[in-house]
Amino acid sequence: MDESGNFHFIRGDSVQYVGVAKTSGGNVTADIEGITPLGYAFADGSVHGTGSLSGTIAARKTITSTTQFKTDLGSANSGTLNLTFDALYNRASALSTLSGNFTNTANNVVVTVGTNGSLFSQDAVSGCVLNGTASTINANFNLYKVQFDFANCAGTSSALNGLDFTGVATLDNTVTPERIIVGATAISGNRKYSVVLQLNRT
């Protein structure tokens, strides 16, 4: 979540929950969209849903909240979301820090991040070519804005061709090798798409 409240929550199965959190005193609320990655769905077959979050926030410490969520096919559930601030966010950001070659852990494709923030990769299996840019949001914090699109994708991945993905990335140096975690979404007509990337520095 950035300083303006824009958030991308990523589940272990790469489902993204996105929205903008609003705070007032110690309270926090948000409208949420849940978006599954291409080829996956919620239990009822939906690939999208909406919901809400409400609770309390202690700045730079915790968020304690309850959630309500309903898929587009009508399955509803409620739960709790308890988050703890990660000091990794306090790491300064710069394109020179982010730049380098990284390997996508899902398909072993190399993603190159240029010193100017350019993004490029080419997957010999799916044919997908990724082009885009990364930029700093606030140099004091470890969160980057990313924008990219795909071209030349074949098979089921062809649904991604021409989509404009936007989202955020963070650089995690608490693990070896250092990694970039990206969460981004795109829209085509009435359909929304989710892409989550974990990229290990090579």
N, C-alpha and C. Protein backbone atom coordinates (compact mmCIF):
# COMPACT_ATOMS: atom_id res chain seq x y z
N MET A 1 0.84 -1.19 0.00
CA MET A 1 0.00 0.00 0.00
C MET A 1 0.88 1.25 0.00
N ASP A 2 0.58 2.20 -0.91
CA ASP A 2 1.41 3.39 -0.98
C ASP A 2 0.88 4.48 -0.03
N GLU A 3 1.53 5.64 -0.05
CA GLU A 3 1.19 6.71 0.88
C GLU A 3 -0.18 7.31 0.61
N SER A 4 -0.74 7.04 -0.60
CA SER A 4 -2.08 7.54 -0.93
C SER A 4 -3.17 6.52 -0.63
N GLY A 5 -2.77 5.34 -0.15
CA GLY A 5 -3.74 4.31 0.21
C GLY A 5 -4.02 3.29 -0.87
N ASN A 6 -3.42 3.43 -2.06
CA ASN A 6 -3.60 2.44 -3.12
C ASN A 6 -2.96 1.12 -2.71
N PHE A 7 -3.70 0.03 -2.80
CA PHE A 7 -3.14 -1.24 -2.34
C PHE A 7 -3.34 -2.36 -3.35
N HIS A 8 -2.42 -3.30 -3.31
CA HIS A 8 -2.49 -4.58 -4.01
C HIS A 8 -2.17 -5.64 -2.97
N PHE A 9 -3.18 -6.37 -2.49
CA PHE A 9 -2.97 -7.50 -1.60
C PHE A 9 -2.89 -8.75 -2.47
N ILE A 10 -1.84 -9.54 -2.31
CA ILE A 10 -1.61 -10.71 -3.15
C ILE A 10 -1.70 -11.97 -2.30
N ARG A 11 -2.64 -12.86 -2.67
CA ARG A 11 -2.74 -14.15 -2.00
C ARG A 11 -1.67 -15.09 -2.52
N GLY A 12 -1.48 -16.19 -1.81
CA GLY A 12 -0.49 -17.17 -2.21
C GLY A 12 -0.77 -17.79 -3.57
N ASP A 13 -2.04 -17.79 -4.02
CA ASP A 13 -2.39 -18.35 -5.32
C ASP A 13 -2.45 -17.28 -6.40
N SER A 14 -1.89 -16.09 -6.11
CA SER A 14 -1.77 -14.97 -7.05
C SER A 14 -3.08 -14.24 -7.34
N VAL A 15 -4.14 -14.55 -6.59
CA VAL A 15 -5.33 -13.69 -6.64
C VAL A 15 -4.95 -12.34 -6.03
N GLN A 16 -5.37 -11.26 -6.70
CA GLN A 16 -5.10 -9.93 -6.19
C GLN A 16 -6.38 -9.28 -5.69
N TYR A 17 -6.25 -8.57 -4.57
CA TYR A 17 -7.32 -7.74 -4.05
C TYR A 17 -6.82 -6.30 -4.09
N VAL A 18 -7.48 -5.46 -4.88
CA VAL A 18 -6.99 -4.11 -5.10
C VAL A 18 -8.04 -3.09 -4.71
N GLY A 19 -7.59 -1.89 -4.40
CA GLY A 19 -8.50 -0.81 -4.04
C GLY A 19 -7.73 0.36 -3.48
N VAL A 20 -8.47 1.28 -2.88
CA VAL A 20 -7.88 2.46 -2.24
C VAL A 20 -8.42 2.54 -0.81
N ALA A 21 -7.53 2.49 0.16
CA ALA A 21 -7.92 2.57 1.56
C ALA A 21 -8.08 4.03 1.98
N LYS A 22 -9.14 4.29 2.76
CA LYS A 22 -9.37 5.63 3.29
C LYS A 22 -9.30 5.57 4.81
N THR A 23 -8.60 6.54 5.38
CA THR A 23 -8.44 6.55 6.83
C THR A 23 -9.04 7.83 7.42
N SER A 24 -9.55 7.69 8.62
CA SER A 24 -10.06 8.82 9.38
C SER A 24 -9.77 8.55 10.85
N GLY A 25 -8.84 9.30 11.40
CA GLY A 25 -8.40 8.99 12.75
C GLY A 25 -7.77 7.62 12.77
N GLY A 26 -8.28 6.74 13.61
CA GLY A 26 -7.74 5.39 13.68
C GLY A 26 -8.55 4.38 12.91
N ASN A 27 -9.46 4.84 12.05
CA ASN A 27 -10.32 3.94 11.29
C ASN A 27 -9.87 3.84 9.84
N VAL A 28 -10.10 2.69 9.24
CA VAL A 28 -9.76 2.47 7.84
C VAL A 28 -10.90 1.74 7.15
N THR A 29 -11.23 2.17 5.93
CA THR A 29 -12.25 1.51 5.11
C THR A 29 -11.75 1.44 3.68
N ALA A 30 -12.31 0.51 2.93
CA ALA A 30 -11.93 0.39 1.52
C ALA A 30 -12.95 -0.45 0.78
N ASP A 31 -13.17 -0.11 -0.48
CA ASP A 31 -13.86 -0.99 -1.41
C ASP A 31 -12.81 -1.84 -2.09
N ILE A 32 -13.13 -3.12 -2.33
CA ILE A 32 -12.14 -4.09 -2.81
C ILE A 32 -12.64 -4.75 -4.09
N GLU A 33 -11.71 -4.98 -5.01
CA GLU A 33 -11.96 -5.86 -6.15
C GLU A 33 -11.01 -7.05 -6.04
N GLY A 34 -11.54 -8.26 -6.24
CA GLY A 34 -10.71 -9.46 -6.27
C GLY A 34 -10.63 -9.97 -7.69
N ILE A 35 -9.41 -10.23 -8.17
CA ILE A 35 -9.18 -10.61 -9.56
C ILE A 35 -8.26 -11.82 -9.61
N THR A 36 -8.70 -12.87 -10.29
CA THR A 36 -7.89 -14.09 -10.40
C THR A 36 -6.92 -13.98 -11.57
N PRO A 37 -5.80 -14.69 -11.52
CA PRO A 37 -4.89 -14.73 -12.68
C PRO A 37 -5.49 -15.54 -13.82
N LEU A 38 -4.99 -15.31 -15.02
CA LEU A 38 -5.49 -16.01 -16.20
C LEU A 38 -5.40 -17.52 -16.01
N GLY A 39 -6.50 -18.21 -16.29
CA GLY A 39 -6.54 -19.66 -16.18
C GLY A 39 -6.98 -20.17 -14.83
N TYR A 40 -7.25 -19.26 -13.90
CA TYR A 40 -7.70 -19.66 -12.56
C TYR A 40 -9.01 -18.97 -12.23
N ALA A 41 -9.72 -19.50 -11.26
CA ALA A 41 -11.02 -18.95 -10.87
C ALA A 41 -11.27 -19.20 -9.39
N PHE A 42 -12.22 -18.44 -8.84
CA PHE A 42 -12.69 -18.73 -7.49
C PHE A 42 -13.46 -20.06 -7.51
N ALA A 43 -13.82 -20.55 -6.35
CA ALA A 43 -14.43 -21.88 -6.24
C ALA A 43 -15.69 -22.04 -7.07
N ASP A 44 -16.45 -20.96 -7.26
CA ASP A 44 -17.70 -21.05 -8.03
C ASP A 44 -17.52 -20.79 -9.52
N GLY A 45 -16.26 -20.62 -9.95
CA GLY A 45 -15.99 -20.37 -11.36
C GLY A 45 -15.84 -18.91 -11.73
N SER A 46 -16.11 -18.01 -10.79
CA SER A 46 -15.93 -16.58 -11.04
C SER A 46 -14.46 -16.23 -11.17
N VAL A 47 -14.19 -15.18 -11.95
CA VAL A 47 -12.82 -14.69 -12.06
C VAL A 47 -12.67 -13.29 -11.46
N HIS A 48 -13.76 -12.80 -10.86
CA HIS A 48 -13.76 -11.43 -10.33
C HIS A 48 -14.82 -11.35 -9.23
N GLY A 49 -14.61 -10.43 -8.31
CA GLY A 49 -15.60 -10.17 -7.28
C GLY A 49 -15.35 -8.83 -6.64
N THR A 50 -16.29 -8.39 -5.80
CA THR A 50 -16.15 -7.10 -5.12
C THR A 50 -16.48 -7.26 -3.65
N GLY A 51 -16.00 -6.32 -2.86
CA GLY A 51 -16.26 -6.39 -1.44
C GLY A 51 -15.84 -5.13 -0.72
N SER A 52 -15.69 -5.24 0.58
CA SER A 52 -15.33 -4.09 1.40
C SER A 52 -14.48 -4.53 2.57
N LEU A 53 -13.80 -3.56 3.14
CA LEU A 53 -12.93 -3.76 4.30
C LEU A 53 -13.22 -2.63 5.28
N SER A 54 -13.27 -2.92 6.56
CA SER A 54 -13.40 -1.88 7.58
C SER A 54 -12.72 -2.34 8.85
N GLY A 55 -12.09 -1.38 9.54
CA GLY A 55 -11.39 -1.73 10.76
C GLY A 55 -10.61 -0.57 11.31
N THR A 56 -9.54 -0.89 11.99
CA THR A 56 -8.71 0.13 12.63
C THR A 56 -7.29 0.05 12.11
N ILE A 57 -6.61 1.19 12.17
CA ILE A 57 -5.23 1.26 11.70
C ILE A 57 -4.38 2.00 12.73
N ALA A 58 -3.20 1.45 12.98
CA ALA A 58 -2.17 2.12 13.75
C ALA A 58 -1.04 2.39 12.78
N ALA A 59 -0.82 3.64 12.43
CA ALA A 59 0.11 4.00 11.37
C ALA A 59 1.49 3.37 11.59
N ARG A 60 1.98 2.75 10.51
CA ARG A 60 3.29 2.10 10.52
C ARG A 60 3.37 0.95 11.53
N LYS A 61 2.21 0.43 11.92
CA LYS A 61 2.19 -0.69 12.87
C LYS A 61 1.27 -1.81 12.40
N THR A 62 -0.04 -1.60 12.47
CA THR A 62 -0.98 -2.69 12.17
C THR A 62 -2.25 -2.17 11.52
N ILE A 63 -2.92 -3.08 10.79
CA ILE A 63 -4.30 -2.91 10.36
C ILE A 63 -5.07 -4.14 10.85
N THR A 64 -6.17 -3.89 11.54
CA THR A 64 -7.04 -4.96 12.02
C THR A 64 -8.42 -4.70 11.44
N SER A 65 -8.93 -5.64 10.63
CA SER A 65 -10.15 -5.33 9.89
C SER A 65 -11.00 -6.58 9.67
N THR A 66 -12.25 -6.32 9.31
CA THR A 66 -13.15 -7.37 8.84
C THR A 66 -13.41 -7.13 7.35
N THR A 67 -13.71 -8.21 6.62
CA THR A 67 -13.93 -8.11 5.19
C THR A 67 -15.24 -8.79 4.79
N GLN A 68 -15.83 -8.25 3.74
CA GLN A 68 -16.99 -8.85 3.09
C GLN A 68 -16.66 -8.95 1.61
N PHE A 69 -16.97 -10.11 1.00
CA PHE A 69 -16.61 -10.29 -0.40
C PHE A 69 -17.65 -11.15 -1.09
N LYS A 70 -18.00 -10.79 -2.34
CA LYS A 70 -18.95 -11.57 -3.13
C LYS A 70 -18.42 -11.68 -4.55
N THR A 71 -18.36 -12.90 -5.06
CA THR A 71 -17.93 -13.11 -6.43
C THR A 71 -19.01 -12.66 -7.40
N ASP A 72 -18.64 -12.52 -8.67
CA ASP A 72 -19.61 -12.10 -9.68
C ASP A 72 -20.73 -13.12 -9.88
N LEU A 73 -20.50 -14.37 -9.46
CA LEU A 73 -21.54 -15.39 -9.56
C LEU A 73 -22.32 -15.55 -8.26
N GLY A 74 -22.04 -14.67 -7.28
CA GLY A 74 -22.89 -14.59 -6.11
C GLY A 74 -22.43 -15.27 -4.85
N SER A 75 -21.28 -15.94 -4.86
CA SER A 75 -20.79 -16.58 -3.64
C SER A 75 -20.24 -15.52 -2.69
N ALA A 76 -20.73 -15.52 -1.46
CA ALA A 76 -20.35 -14.50 -0.49
C ALA A 76 -19.60 -15.12 0.67
N ASN A 77 -18.66 -14.36 1.20
CA ASN A 77 -17.96 -14.79 2.41
C ASN A 77 -17.49 -13.58 3.19
N SER A 78 -17.22 -13.79 4.45
CA SER A 78 -16.69 -12.74 5.31
C SER A 78 -15.50 -13.29 6.07
N GLY A 79 -14.69 -12.39 6.57
CA GLY A 79 -13.51 -12.85 7.28
C GLY A 79 -12.81 -11.70 7.96
N THR A 80 -11.60 -11.96 8.40
CA THR A 80 -10.78 -10.94 9.04
C THR A 80 -9.47 -10.79 8.28
N LEU A 81 -8.92 -9.61 8.32
CA LEU A 81 -7.63 -9.32 7.69
C LEU A 81 -6.80 -8.54 8.69
N ASN A 82 -5.74 -9.16 9.18
CA ASN A 82 -4.87 -8.52 10.15
C ASN A 82 -3.47 -8.39 9.56
N LEU A 83 -3.02 -7.17 9.40
CA LEU A 83 -1.75 -6.89 8.73
C LEU A 83 -0.78 -6.22 9.69
N THR A 84 0.50 -6.56 9.53
CA THR A 84 1.56 -5.95 10.32
C THR A 84 2.52 -5.22 9.40
N PHE A 85 2.90 -4.02 9.77
CA PHE A 85 3.80 -3.21 8.95
C PHE A 85 5.14 -3.91 8.78
N ASP A 86 5.65 -3.89 7.54
CA ASP A 86 6.95 -4.49 7.22
C ASP A 86 7.96 -3.37 7.02
N ALA A 87 9.00 -3.38 7.84
CA ALA A 87 10.02 -2.32 7.78
C ALA A 87 10.74 -2.28 6.43
N LEU A 88 10.59 -3.32 5.61
CA LEU A 88 11.18 -3.31 4.28
C LEU A 88 10.68 -2.12 3.46
N TYR A 89 9.47 -1.66 3.77
CA TYR A 89 8.90 -0.51 3.06
C TYR A 89 9.74 0.75 3.24
N ASN A 90 10.50 0.83 4.34
CA ASN A 90 11.31 2.02 4.62
C ASN A 90 12.60 2.08 3.82
N ARG A 91 12.88 1.05 3.03
CA ARG A 91 14.08 1.08 2.19
C ARG A 91 13.89 2.11 1.08
N ALA A 92 14.91 2.94 0.86
CA ALA A 92 14.83 3.95 -0.19
C ALA A 92 14.72 3.29 -1.57
N SER A 93 14.02 3.94 -2.49
CA SER A 93 13.87 3.40 -3.84
C SER A 93 14.60 4.26 -4.86
N ALA A 94 15.14 3.60 -5.88
CA ALA A 94 15.82 4.28 -6.98
C ALA A 94 15.90 3.31 -8.15
N LEU A 95 15.82 3.81 -9.36
CA LEU A 95 15.89 2.93 -10.53
C LEU A 95 17.24 2.22 -10.62
N SER A 96 18.29 2.88 -10.15
CA SER A 96 19.61 2.23 -10.16
C SER A 96 19.64 1.04 -9.21
N THR A 97 18.87 1.11 -8.13
CA THR A 97 18.77 -0.01 -7.18
C THR A 97 17.96 -1.15 -7.77
N LEU A 98 16.92 -0.81 -8.52
CA LEU A 98 16.02 -1.82 -9.08
C LEU A 98 16.60 -2.51 -10.31
N SER A 99 17.51 -1.86 -11.01
CA SER A 99 17.96 -2.36 -12.31
C SER A 99 18.75 -3.66 -12.20
N GLY A 100 18.73 -4.43 -13.31
CA GLY A 100 19.47 -5.68 -13.38
C GLY A 100 18.68 -6.75 -14.12
N ASN A 101 19.17 -7.96 -14.09
CA ASN A 101 18.49 -9.10 -14.70
C ASN A 101 17.87 -9.97 -13.61
N PHE A 102 16.64 -10.38 -13.85
CA PHE A 102 15.89 -11.16 -12.88
C PHE A 102 15.23 -12.34 -13.58
N THR A 103 15.11 -13.46 -12.90
CA THR A 103 14.47 -14.65 -13.47
C THR A 103 13.10 -14.84 -12.86
N ASN A 104 12.10 -14.97 -13.74
CA ASN A 104 10.73 -15.24 -13.31
C ASN A 104 10.66 -16.66 -12.76
N THR A 105 10.29 -16.81 -11.48
CA THR A 105 10.30 -18.14 -10.86
C THR A 105 9.24 -19.06 -11.44
N ALA A 106 8.23 -18.50 -12.15
CA ALA A 106 7.16 -19.34 -12.70
C ALA A 106 7.56 -20.02 -14.00
N ASN A 107 8.44 -19.39 -14.78
CA ASN A 107 8.75 -19.94 -16.11
C ASN A 107 10.22 -19.83 -16.49
N ASN A 108 11.06 -19.36 -15.58
CA ASN A 108 12.51 -19.22 -15.81
C ASN A 108 12.86 -18.23 -16.92
N VAL A 109 11.93 -17.34 -17.26
CA VAL A 109 12.20 -16.31 -18.26
C VAL A 109 12.92 -15.14 -17.59
N VAL A 110 13.95 -14.61 -18.26
CA VAL A 110 14.72 -13.50 -17.72
C VAL A 110 14.02 -12.18 -18.03
N VAL A 111 13.83 -11.37 -17.00
CA VAL A 111 13.27 -10.03 -17.14
C VAL A 111 14.40 -9.04 -16.88
N THR A 112 14.60 -8.13 -17.83
CA THR A 112 15.65 -7.12 -17.71
C THR A 112 15.04 -5.79 -17.29
N VAL A 113 15.59 -5.22 -16.22
CA VAL A 113 15.18 -3.89 -15.76
C VAL A 113 16.34 -2.94 -16.03
N GLY A 114 16.12 -1.97 -16.92
CA GLY A 114 17.17 -1.03 -17.27
C GLY A 114 17.37 0.05 -16.23
N THR A 115 18.49 0.73 -16.29
CA THR A 115 18.76 1.82 -15.35
C THR A 115 17.81 2.99 -15.55
N ASN A 116 17.15 3.03 -16.71
CA ASN A 116 16.14 4.07 -16.97
C ASN A 116 14.73 3.60 -16.61
N GLY A 117 14.63 2.39 -16.04
CA GLY A 117 13.33 1.85 -15.65
C GLY A 117 12.65 1.00 -16.71
N SER A 118 13.29 0.80 -17.84
CA SER A 118 12.68 -0.03 -18.89
C SER A 118 12.56 -1.48 -18.43
N LEU A 119 11.48 -2.15 -18.88
CA LEU A 119 11.24 -3.55 -18.57
C LEU A 119 11.14 -4.33 -19.87
N PHE A 120 11.81 -5.49 -19.92
CA PHE A 120 11.73 -6.32 -21.14
C PHE A 120 11.93 -7.78 -20.79
N SER A 121 11.12 -8.64 -21.41
CA SER A 121 11.36 -10.08 -21.36
C SER A 121 10.74 -10.72 -22.58
N GLN A 122 11.24 -11.92 -22.93
CA GLN A 122 10.68 -12.68 -24.05
C GLN A 122 10.69 -14.15 -23.66
N ASP A 123 9.50 -14.77 -23.74
CA ASP A 123 9.31 -16.16 -23.35
C ASP A 123 9.30 -17.02 -24.61
N ALA A 124 10.31 -17.86 -24.75
CA ALA A 124 10.43 -18.69 -25.96
C ALA A 124 9.33 -19.73 -26.04
N VAL A 125 8.72 -20.09 -24.93
CA VAL A 125 7.68 -21.11 -24.93
C VAL A 125 6.32 -20.54 -25.33
N SER A 126 5.87 -19.50 -24.64
CA SER A 126 4.55 -18.91 -24.92
C SER A 126 4.61 -17.89 -26.04
N GLY A 127 5.83 -17.40 -26.34
CA GLY A 127 5.97 -16.34 -27.32
C GLY A 127 5.79 -14.95 -26.76
N CYS A 128 5.37 -14.84 -25.50
CA CYS A 128 5.05 -13.54 -24.91
C CYS A 128 6.28 -12.63 -24.84
N VAL A 129 6.10 -11.42 -25.33
CA VAL A 129 7.11 -10.37 -25.19
C VAL A 129 6.54 -9.29 -24.28
N LEU A 130 7.25 -9.00 -23.20
CA LEU A 130 6.83 -7.99 -22.25
C LEU A 130 7.66 -6.75 -22.44
N ASN A 131 7.02 -5.60 -22.58
CA ASN A 131 7.68 -4.30 -22.62
C ASN A 131 6.98 -3.37 -21.66
N GLY A 132 7.76 -2.56 -20.94
CA GLY A 132 7.13 -1.63 -20.02
C GLY A 132 8.13 -0.74 -19.32
N THR A 133 7.67 -0.12 -18.26
CA THR A 133 8.52 0.79 -17.50
C THR A 133 8.23 0.65 -16.01
N ALA A 134 9.24 0.97 -15.23
CA ALA A 134 9.11 1.10 -13.78
C ALA A 134 9.54 2.50 -13.40
N SER A 135 8.92 3.05 -12.38
CA SER A 135 9.28 4.39 -11.92
C SER A 135 9.12 4.46 -10.41
N THR A 136 9.85 5.35 -9.77
CA THR A 136 9.73 5.52 -8.33
C THR A 136 8.45 6.30 -8.02
N ILE A 137 7.83 5.99 -6.91
CA ILE A 137 6.65 6.72 -6.44
C ILE A 137 7.07 7.78 -5.43
N ASN A 138 7.86 7.37 -4.46
CA ASN A 138 8.41 8.24 -3.44
C ASN A 138 9.76 7.65 -3.08
N ALA A 139 10.82 8.42 -3.31
CA ALA A 139 12.18 7.89 -3.15
C ALA A 139 12.48 7.42 -1.74
N ASN A 140 11.65 7.82 -0.78
CA ASN A 140 11.88 7.42 0.61
C ASN A 140 11.37 6.01 0.92
N PHE A 141 10.56 5.45 -0.01
CA PHE A 141 9.90 4.18 0.30
C PHE A 141 10.09 3.17 -0.82
N ASN A 142 10.06 1.90 -0.42
CA ASN A 142 10.38 0.78 -1.30
C ASN A 142 9.15 0.30 -2.07
N LEU A 143 8.62 1.17 -2.91
CA LEU A 143 7.50 0.82 -3.75
C LEU A 143 7.66 1.55 -5.07
N TYR A 144 7.48 0.80 -6.16
CA TYR A 144 7.65 1.34 -7.50
C TYR A 144 6.35 1.19 -8.28
N LYS A 145 6.08 2.12 -9.17
CA LYS A 145 4.96 1.99 -10.10
C LYS A 145 5.45 1.24 -11.32
N VAL A 146 4.65 0.29 -11.82
CA VAL A 146 5.02 -0.44 -13.03
C VAL A 146 3.88 -0.37 -14.05
N GLN A 147 4.25 -0.34 -15.31
CA GLN A 147 3.31 -0.39 -16.43
C GLN A 147 3.95 -1.27 -17.49
N PHE A 148 3.18 -2.21 -18.03
CA PHE A 148 3.73 -3.06 -19.08
C PHE A 148 2.61 -3.66 -19.91
N ASP A 149 2.98 -4.15 -21.09
CA ASP A 149 2.02 -4.87 -21.92
C ASP A 149 2.68 -6.10 -22.51
N PHE A 150 1.86 -6.99 -23.05
CA PHE A 150 2.34 -8.21 -23.69
C PHE A 150 2.00 -8.18 -25.17
N ALA A 151 2.86 -8.82 -25.96
CA ALA A 151 2.61 -9.01 -27.38
C ALA A 151 3.11 -10.39 -27.78
N ASN A 152 2.57 -10.91 -28.87
CA ASN A 152 3.01 -12.19 -29.46
C ASN A 152 2.69 -13.41 -28.63
N CYS A 153 1.88 -13.29 -27.60
CA CYS A 153 1.52 -14.46 -26.80
C CYS A 153 0.67 -15.41 -27.63
N ALA A 154 0.94 -16.71 -27.48
CA ALA A 154 0.18 -17.74 -28.20
C ALA A 154 -0.61 -18.59 -27.20
N GLY A 155 -1.57 -19.37 -27.72
CA GLY A 155 -2.35 -20.26 -26.88
C GLY A 155 -3.23 -19.49 -25.92
N THR A 156 -3.42 -20.05 -24.72
CA THR A 156 -4.29 -19.39 -23.74
C THR A 156 -3.74 -18.03 -23.32
N SER A 157 -2.43 -17.85 -23.41
CA SER A 157 -1.83 -16.57 -23.02
C SER A 157 -2.16 -15.45 -23.99
N SER A 158 -2.71 -15.78 -25.16
CA SER A 158 -3.00 -14.76 -26.17
C SER A 158 -4.02 -13.74 -25.66
N ALA A 159 -4.80 -14.10 -24.63
CA ALA A 159 -5.75 -13.16 -24.05
C ALA A 159 -5.06 -11.94 -23.45
N LEU A 160 -3.76 -12.06 -23.18
CA LEU A 160 -3.02 -10.96 -22.57
C LEU A 160 -2.50 -9.95 -23.59
N ASN A 161 -2.51 -10.33 -24.87
CA ASN A 161 -1.94 -9.46 -25.89
C ASN A 161 -2.62 -8.09 -25.92
N GLY A 162 -1.81 -7.04 -25.87
CA GLY A 162 -2.31 -5.69 -25.99
C GLY A 162 -2.90 -5.09 -24.74
N LEU A 163 -3.00 -5.86 -23.65
CA LEU A 163 -3.56 -5.32 -22.42
C LEU A 163 -2.54 -4.41 -21.72
N ASP A 164 -3.02 -3.33 -21.17
CA ASP A 164 -2.17 -2.36 -20.47
C ASP A 164 -2.22 -2.66 -18.98
N PHE A 165 -1.19 -3.31 -18.46
CA PHE A 165 -1.13 -3.65 -17.04
C PHE A 165 -0.47 -2.51 -16.26
N THR A 166 -1.09 -2.16 -15.14
CA THR A 166 -0.50 -1.18 -14.23
C THR A 166 -0.55 -1.75 -12.82
N GLY A 167 0.43 -1.37 -12.02
CA GLY A 167 0.47 -1.88 -10.66
C GLY A 167 1.69 -1.39 -9.93
N VAL A 168 2.14 -2.18 -8.97
CA VAL A 168 3.26 -1.79 -8.12
C VAL A 168 4.25 -2.94 -8.00
N ALA A 169 5.46 -2.58 -7.58
CA ALA A 169 6.51 -3.57 -7.34
C ALA A 169 7.30 -3.17 -6.11
N THR A 170 7.86 -4.15 -5.43
CA THR A 170 8.74 -3.89 -4.30
C THR A 170 9.97 -4.77 -4.43
N LEU A 171 11.10 -4.29 -3.91
CA LEU A 171 12.37 -5.01 -4.01
C LEU A 171 12.72 -5.57 -2.64
N ASP A 172 12.74 -6.89 -2.55
CA ASP A 172 12.93 -7.57 -1.27
C ASP A 172 14.37 -8.06 -1.14
N ASN A 173 15.15 -7.41 -0.29
CA ASN A 173 16.54 -7.82 -0.06
C ASN A 173 16.70 -8.57 1.25
N THR A 174 15.58 -9.05 1.81
CA THR A 174 15.67 -9.85 3.03
C THR A 174 15.85 -11.33 2.70
N VAL A 175 15.81 -11.66 1.41
CA VAL A 175 16.00 -13.03 0.95
C VAL A 175 17.18 -13.08 -0.01
N THR A 176 17.70 -14.27 -0.23
CA THR A 176 18.79 -14.48 -1.18
C THR A 176 18.36 -15.54 -2.19
N PRO A 177 18.36 -15.25 -3.49
CA PRO A 177 18.72 -13.95 -4.07
C PRO A 177 17.65 -12.90 -3.83
N GLU A 178 18.06 -11.65 -3.93
CA GLU A 178 17.11 -10.54 -3.85
C GLU A 178 16.03 -10.71 -4.91
N ARG A 179 14.81 -10.27 -4.62
CA ARG A 179 13.73 -10.50 -5.57
C ARG A 179 12.84 -9.27 -5.71
N ILE A 180 12.22 -9.16 -6.86
CA ILE A 180 11.17 -8.18 -7.11
C ILE A 180 9.83 -8.90 -7.06
N ILE A 181 8.87 -8.33 -6.36
CA ILE A 181 7.50 -8.84 -6.35
C ILE A 181 6.61 -7.80 -7.02
N VAL A 182 5.88 -8.23 -8.05
CA VAL A 182 5.04 -7.32 -8.84
C VAL A 182 3.59 -7.77 -8.76
N GLY A 183 2.70 -6.81 -8.55
CA GLY A 183 1.26 -7.05 -8.66
C GLY A 183 0.66 -6.03 -9.59
N ALA A 184 0.01 -6.49 -10.68
CA ALA A 184 -0.53 -5.56 -11.67
C ALA A 184 -1.85 -6.09 -12.21
N THR A 185 -2.69 -5.19 -12.67
CA THR A 185 -3.99 -5.56 -13.22
C THR A 185 -4.23 -4.81 -14.52
N ALA A 186 -5.15 -5.37 -15.33
CA ALA A 186 -5.53 -4.74 -16.60
C ALA A 186 -7.01 -5.01 -16.83
N ILE A 187 -7.60 -4.25 -17.75
CA ILE A 187 -9.01 -4.43 -18.08
C ILE A 187 -9.18 -4.48 -19.59
N SER A 188 -10.06 -5.37 -20.03
CA SER A 188 -10.43 -5.46 -21.45
C SER A 188 -11.93 -5.67 -21.50
N GLY A 189 -12.67 -4.64 -21.95
CA GLY A 189 -14.11 -4.72 -21.92
C GLY A 189 -14.60 -4.84 -20.50
N ASN A 190 -15.37 -5.88 -20.20
CA ASN A 190 -15.87 -6.10 -18.85
C ASN A 190 -15.00 -7.04 -18.03
N ARG A 191 -13.88 -7.50 -18.60
CA ARG A 191 -13.03 -8.49 -17.94
C ARG A 191 -11.78 -7.82 -17.37
N LYS A 192 -11.45 -8.16 -16.15
CA LYS A 192 -10.21 -7.68 -15.54
C LYS A 192 -9.24 -8.85 -15.39
N TYR A 193 -7.96 -8.53 -15.49
CA TYR A 193 -6.92 -9.54 -15.46
C TYR A 193 -5.89 -9.20 -14.39
N SER A 194 -5.32 -10.25 -13.81
CA SER A 194 -4.31 -10.10 -12.76
C SER A 194 -3.01 -10.77 -13.21
N VAL A 195 -1.90 -10.10 -12.98
CA VAL A 195 -0.58 -10.69 -13.19
C VAL A 195 0.26 -10.45 -11.93
N VAL A 196 0.81 -11.52 -11.38
CA VAL A 196 1.73 -11.45 -10.25
C VAL A 196 3.04 -12.07 -10.69
N LEU A 197 4.13 -11.34 -10.48
CA LEU A 197 5.46 -11.82 -10.86
C LEU A 197 6.36 -11.86 -9.65
N GLN A 198 7.10 -12.94 -9.51
CA GLN A 198 8.19 -13.01 -8.53
C GLN A 198 9.47 -13.22 -9.33
N LEU A 199 10.37 -12.26 -9.22
CA LEU A 199 11.56 -12.23 -10.06
C LEU A 199 12.81 -12.24 -9.20
N ASN A 200 13.63 -13.27 -9.34
CA ASN A 200 14.84 -13.40 -8.55
C ASN A 200 16.04 -12.82 -9.29
N ARG A 201 16.80 -12.01 -8.60
CA ARG A 201 17.98 -11.39 -9.22
C ARG A 201 18.99 -12.46 -9.62
N THR A 202 19.54 -12.34 -10.83
CA THR A 202 20.53 -13.30 -11.32
C THR A 202 21.88 -12.62 -11.55
